């Protein structure tokens, strides 16, 4: 089956938006079938979208839910990392909504077997972010990932001052840096800190696209990783892994 094009997805969503539910359903099913072998998670989501088209027609969507559940399950079996937990939970929810209660319970129990691996971390993490909600989210994720030594600031100037002190004391922090701050912008913060310590590990956190001029220029200046809002604990873990690997190579 030919690889779907962007316009195929656009057309499916246009039909859905215009309540052309039968046409939208058929397109989402075709798209899901075309992605089954190459991207089971995307195919599962497309089946769920097809199911929503059925709901809007007042029809039951068990077939679509079961197809999605099987694809999430397939992905969970193929991955050994923390992503398997999310895959099994998604599969469990699909089977539950389709009335497959035993399978739903079995997969929910399997998901509980996965735990975020703890890490032995001595390096401090500096959070520079003006949103209290995102700071709390980051702190919760860091706790779950085993990071306990972290501090947060809501302005760029405070973050710079703290990082410079840590660098001076040879603490080698990891910096979680928001691009939009109330006093100075994140790219300015990154530039000043990298002038102080060229191999400092900075992780950008922003709603901007990675390809945007400001973000791409800041990444080119030497930051370790990039996270786009909204983000998950897996996104944060992957970025921290990159930063830790970069740090180990520089030692």
Protein backbone atom coordinates (compact mmCIF):
# COMPACT_ATOMS: atom_id res chain seq x y z
CA UNK A 1 0.00 0.00 0.00
CA UNK A 2 1.35 3.43 -0.95
CA UNK A 3 2.64 5.68 1.81
CA UNK A 4 -0.04 8.27 2.68
CA UNK A 5 0.65 11.93 1.99
CA UNK A 6 -0.01 14.93 4.18
CA UNK A 7 -3.02 15.89 2.07
CA UNK A 8 -4.59 12.49 2.85
CA UNK A 9 -4.52 13.29 6.56
CA UNK A 10 -5.70 16.85 5.94
CA UNK A 11 -8.65 15.59 3.90
CA UNK A 12 -9.65 13.08 6.59
CA UNK A 13 -9.66 15.77 9.27
CA UNK A 14 -11.56 18.15 6.98
CA UNK A 15 -14.29 15.52 6.52
CA UNK A 16 -14.39 14.97 10.28
CA UNK A 17 -14.63 18.70 10.98
CA UNK A 18 -17.47 19.06 8.46
CA UNK A 19 -19.39 16.09 9.93
CA UNK A 20 -18.83 14.06 6.76
CA UNK A 21 -18.36 11.11 9.06
CA UNK A 22 -18.62 8.21 6.62
CA UNK A 23 -15.99 9.70 4.31
CA UNK A 24 -13.77 10.58 7.29
CA UNK A 25 -14.14 7.07 8.70
CA UNK A 26 -13.16 5.40 5.42
CA UNK A 27 -10.13 7.65 5.03
CA UNK A 28 -8.92 7.06 8.60
CA UNK A 29 -9.32 3.30 8.14
CA UNK A 30 -7.29 3.39 4.90
CA UNK A 31 -4.60 5.50 6.58
CA UNK A 32 -4.49 3.15 9.56
CA UNK A 33 -4.11 0.11 7.30
CA UNK A 34 -1.25 1.79 5.45
CA UNK A 35 0.66 2.48 8.71
CA UNK A 36 0.13 -0.89 10.45
CA UNK A 37 3.52 -2.34 9.58
CA UNK A 38 5.64 0.81 9.77
CA UNK A 39 4.16 2.66 12.75
CA UNK A 40 1.78 0.68 14.95
CA UNK A 41 1.18 3.56 17.39
CA UNK A 42 0.18 5.97 14.63
CA UNK A 43 -2.03 3.28 13.10
CA UNK A 44 -3.70 2.73 16.49
CA UNK A 45 -4.48 6.43 16.83
CA UNK A 46 -5.92 6.49 13.32
CA UNK A 47 -8.22 3.59 14.25
CA UNK A 48 -9.35 5.56 17.30
CA UNK A 49 -10.13 8.52 15.07
CA UNK A 50 -12.10 6.23 12.78
CA UNK A 51 -13.97 5.04 15.86
CA UNK A 52 -14.88 8.62 16.76
CA UNK A 53 -16.43 8.94 13.29
CA UNK A 54 -18.59 5.93 14.15
CA UNK A 55 -19.60 7.56 17.45
CA UNK A 56 -20.67 10.71 15.62
CA UNK A 57 -22.89 8.52 13.43
CA UNK A 58 -24.45 6.94 16.51
CA UNK A 59 -22.83 3.57 15.77
CA UNK A 60 -20.75 1.30 17.99
CA UNK A 61 -16.99 1.38 17.46
CA UNK A 62 -15.81 -1.87 19.07
CA UNK A 63 -14.01 -3.06 15.94
CA UNK A 64 -11.93 0.12 15.76
CA UNK A 65 -11.20 0.00 19.51
CA UNK A 66 -10.06 -3.62 19.30
CA UNK A 67 -7.83 -2.91 16.31
CA UNK A 68 -6.26 0.02 18.17
CA UNK A 69 -5.83 -2.09 21.31
CA UNK A 70 -4.05 -4.86 19.39
CA UNK A 71 -1.67 -2.33 17.82
CA UNK A 72 -0.83 -0.71 21.16
CA UNK A 73 -0.27 -4.20 22.57
CA UNK A 74 1.99 -5.09 19.64
CA UNK A 75 4.08 -1.97 20.26
CA UNK A 76 4.31 -2.76 23.98
CA UNK A 77 5.65 -6.24 23.25
CA UNK A 78 8.34 -4.87 20.93
CA UNK A 79 9.78 -2.26 23.27
CA UNK A 80 11.58 -2.92 26.53
CA UNK A 81 11.80 0.63 27.86
CA UNK A 82 9.37 2.77 29.87
CA UNK A 83 7.31 3.41 26.69
CA UNK A 84 5.93 -0.12 27.05
CA UNK A 85 4.04 0.98 30.16
CA UNK A 86 2.17 3.66 28.21
CA UNK A 87 1.47 1.25 25.36
CA UNK A 88 -0.04 -1.35 27.69
CA UNK A 89 -2.15 1.29 29.44
CA UNK A 90 -3.49 2.52 26.08
CA UNK A 91 -4.23 -1.05 25.00
CA UNK A 92 -5.97 -1.71 28.33
CA UNK A 93 -8.18 1.34 27.89
CA UNK A 94 -9.13 0.31 24.34
CA UNK A 95 -10.09 -3.21 25.43
CA UNK A 96 -12.01 -1.84 28.42
CA UNK A 97 -14.08 0.47 26.22
CA UNK A 98 -14.75 -2.42 23.84
CA UNK A 99 -16.06 -4.60 26.69
CA UNK A 100 -13.01 -6.92 26.77
CA UNK A 101 -12.71 -6.69 30.56
CA UNK A 102 -10.38 -9.64 31.16
CA UNK A 103 -7.88 -8.44 28.55
CA UNK A 104 -8.11 -4.90 29.90
CA UNK A 105 -7.32 -6.08 33.44
CA UNK A 106 -4.46 -8.29 32.24
CA UNK A 107 -2.79 -5.42 30.34
CA UNK A 108 -3.35 -2.97 33.17
CA UNK A 109 -1.54 -5.36 35.52
CA UNK A 110 1.27 -5.76 33.00
CA UNK A 111 1.66 -1.97 32.79
CA UNK A 112 2.10 -1.82 36.57
CA UNK A 113 5.19 -4.04 36.27
CA UNK A 114 7.09 -1.20 34.58
CA UNK A 115 8.80 1.37 36.76
CA UNK A 116 10.87 4.38 35.77
CA UNK A 117 14.45 3.34 36.48
CA UNK A 118 16.08 5.32 39.25
CA UNK A 119 19.44 6.93 38.61
CA UNK A 120 22.29 7.85 40.89
CA UNK A 121 22.77 11.51 40.12
CA UNK A 122 25.09 13.92 41.89
CA UNK A 123 24.88 16.79 39.43
CA UNK A 124 22.36 19.51 40.32
CA UNK A 125 19.61 20.54 37.93
CA UNK A 126 18.67 24.20 37.54
CA UNK A 127 15.14 24.86 36.27
CA UNK A 128 14.69 28.31 34.70
CA UNK A 129 10.97 28.59 33.93
CA UNK A 130 8.41 31.31 34.69
CA UNK A 131 5.36 29.01 34.85
CA UNK A 132 4.79 27.58 38.34
CA UNK A 133 2.67 24.78 36.86
CA UNK A 134 5.47 23.65 34.55
CA UNK A 135 8.02 23.93 37.37
CA UNK A 136 5.86 21.59 39.47
CA UNK A 137 5.49 19.22 36.53
CA UNK A 138 9.26 19.16 35.98
CA UNK A 139 9.94 18.61 39.68
CA UNK A 140 7.48 15.71 39.78
CA UNK A 141 9.04 14.12 36.71
CA UNK A 142 12.56 14.61 38.11
CA UNK A 143 11.53 12.95 41.38
CA UNK A 144 10.15 9.97 39.45
CA UNK A 145 13.35 9.74 37.42
CA UNK A 146 15.52 9.70 40.56
CA UNK A 147 16.83 13.26 40.41
CA UNK A 148 16.62 14.91 43.83
CA UNK A 149 19.09 17.81 43.66
CA UNK A 150 17.27 20.54 41.78
CA UNK A 151 16.43 24.21 42.22
CA UNK A 152 14.13 26.47 40.23
CA UNK A 153 14.00 30.13 39.23
CA UNK A 154 11.34 32.12 37.43
CA UNK A 155 13.64 34.74 35.85
CA UNK A 156 16.62 34.45 33.56
CA UNK A 157 18.86 36.66 35.69
CA UNK A 158 18.32 34.52 38.79
CA UNK A 159 19.03 31.39 36.75
CA UNK A 160 22.24 32.84 35.35
CA UNK A 161 23.45 33.88 38.80
CA UNK A 162 22.76 30.44 40.28
CA UNK A 163 24.37 28.58 37.39
CA UNK A 164 27.51 30.71 37.51
CA UNK A 165 27.86 30.00 41.24
CA UNK A 166 27.46 26.26 40.65
CA UNK A 167 29.98 26.35 37.79
CA UNK A 168 32.41 28.26 39.99
CA UNK A 169 32.02 25.54 42.64
CA UNK A 170 32.63 22.84 39.97
CA UNK A 171 29.11 21.44 40.37
CA UNK A 172 28.52 21.14 36.57
CA UNK A 173 24.71 21.60 36.54
CA UNK A 174 22.19 20.57 33.93
CA UNK A 175 19.99 23.52 32.98
CA UNK A 176 16.33 23.11 32.00
CA UNK A 177 15.73 26.42 30.24
CA UNK A 178 12.47 27.95 29.07
CA UNK A 179 12.83 30.15 25.98
CA UNK A 180 10.26 32.76 27.05
CA UNK A 181 11.12 34.43 30.37
CA UNK A 182 9.76 37.65 31.88
CA UNK A 183 13.08 39.53 32.07
CA UNK A 184 15.42 38.20 29.38
CA UNK A 185 14.86 35.57 26.71
CA UNK A 186 16.11 32.02 26.99
CA UNK A 187 18.47 32.34 24.04
CA UNK A 188 20.24 35.20 25.85
CA UNK A 189 20.49 33.11 29.00
CA UNK A 190 21.95 30.20 27.02
CA UNK A 191 24.45 32.47 25.27
CA UNK A 192 25.71 33.98 28.53
CA UNK A 193 26.01 30.62 30.28
CA UNK A 194 27.80 28.97 27.34
CA UNK A 195 30.28 31.84 27.31
CA UNK A 196 31.00 31.01 30.94
CA UNK A 197 31.24 27.24 30.31
CA UNK A 198 31.19 26.06 26.71
CA UNK A 199 30.42 22.43 27.58
CA UNK A 200 27.54 23.26 29.96
CA UNK A 201 24.54 20.97 29.37
CA UNK A 202 21.46 23.08 28.59
CA UNK A 203 18.09 21.58 27.64
CA UNK A 204 15.73 24.02 25.93
CA UNK A 205 12.04 23.78 26.82
CA UNK A 206 9.74 25.74 24.53
CA UNK A 207 6.44 25.71 22.68
CA UNK A 208 8.28 26.86 19.54
CA UNK A 209 9.07 24.45 16.72
CA UNK A 210 12.62 23.13 16.62
CA UNK A 211 12.93 24.55 13.11
CA UNK A 212 12.08 28.11 14.19
CA UNK A 213 14.92 30.57 13.68
CA UNK A 214 15.44 31.48 17.33
CA UNK A 215 15.37 27.87 18.55
CA UNK A 216 17.60 26.54 15.76
CA UNK A 217 20.16 29.29 16.36
CA UNK A 218 20.19 28.57 20.10
CA UNK A 219 20.63 24.84 19.46
CA UNK A 220 23.48 25.62 17.07
CA UNK A 221 25.15 27.66 19.80
CA UNK A 222 25.77 24.46 21.73
CA UNK A 223 22.76 23.38 23.82
CA UNK A 224 22.55 19.66 24.56
CA UNK A 225 18.90 18.89 23.84
CA UNK A 226 15.45 20.27 23.02
CA UNK A 227 12.01 19.54 24.47
CA UNK A 228 8.83 20.90 22.90
CA UNK A 229 5.81 21.72 25.06
CA UNK A 230 3.62 19.91 25.89
CA UNK A 231 6.06 17.19 26.96
CA UNK A 232 5.99 13.82 28.72
CA UNK A 233 8.25 12.20 31.29
CA UNK A 234 9.75 10.15 28.44
CA UNK A 235 10.63 13.35 26.55
CA UNK A 236 12.39 14.69 29.65
CA UNK A 237 14.20 11.42 30.30
CA UNK A 238 15.44 11.22 26.71
CA UNK A 239 16.75 14.81 26.88
CA UNK A 240 18.48 14.17 30.21
CA UNK A 241 20.04 11.00 28.79
CA UNK A 242 21.47 13.05 25.92
CA UNK A 243 22.82 15.65 28.35
CA UNK A 244 24.38 12.98 30.58
CA UNK A 245 25.97 11.25 27.59
CA UNK A 246 27.37 14.54 26.32
CA UNK A 247 28.78 15.28 29.77
CA UNK A 248 30.42 11.86 30.06
CA UNK A 249 32.09 12.29 26.66
CA UNK A 250 33.50 15.67 27.68
CA UNK A 251 35.20 14.28 30.80
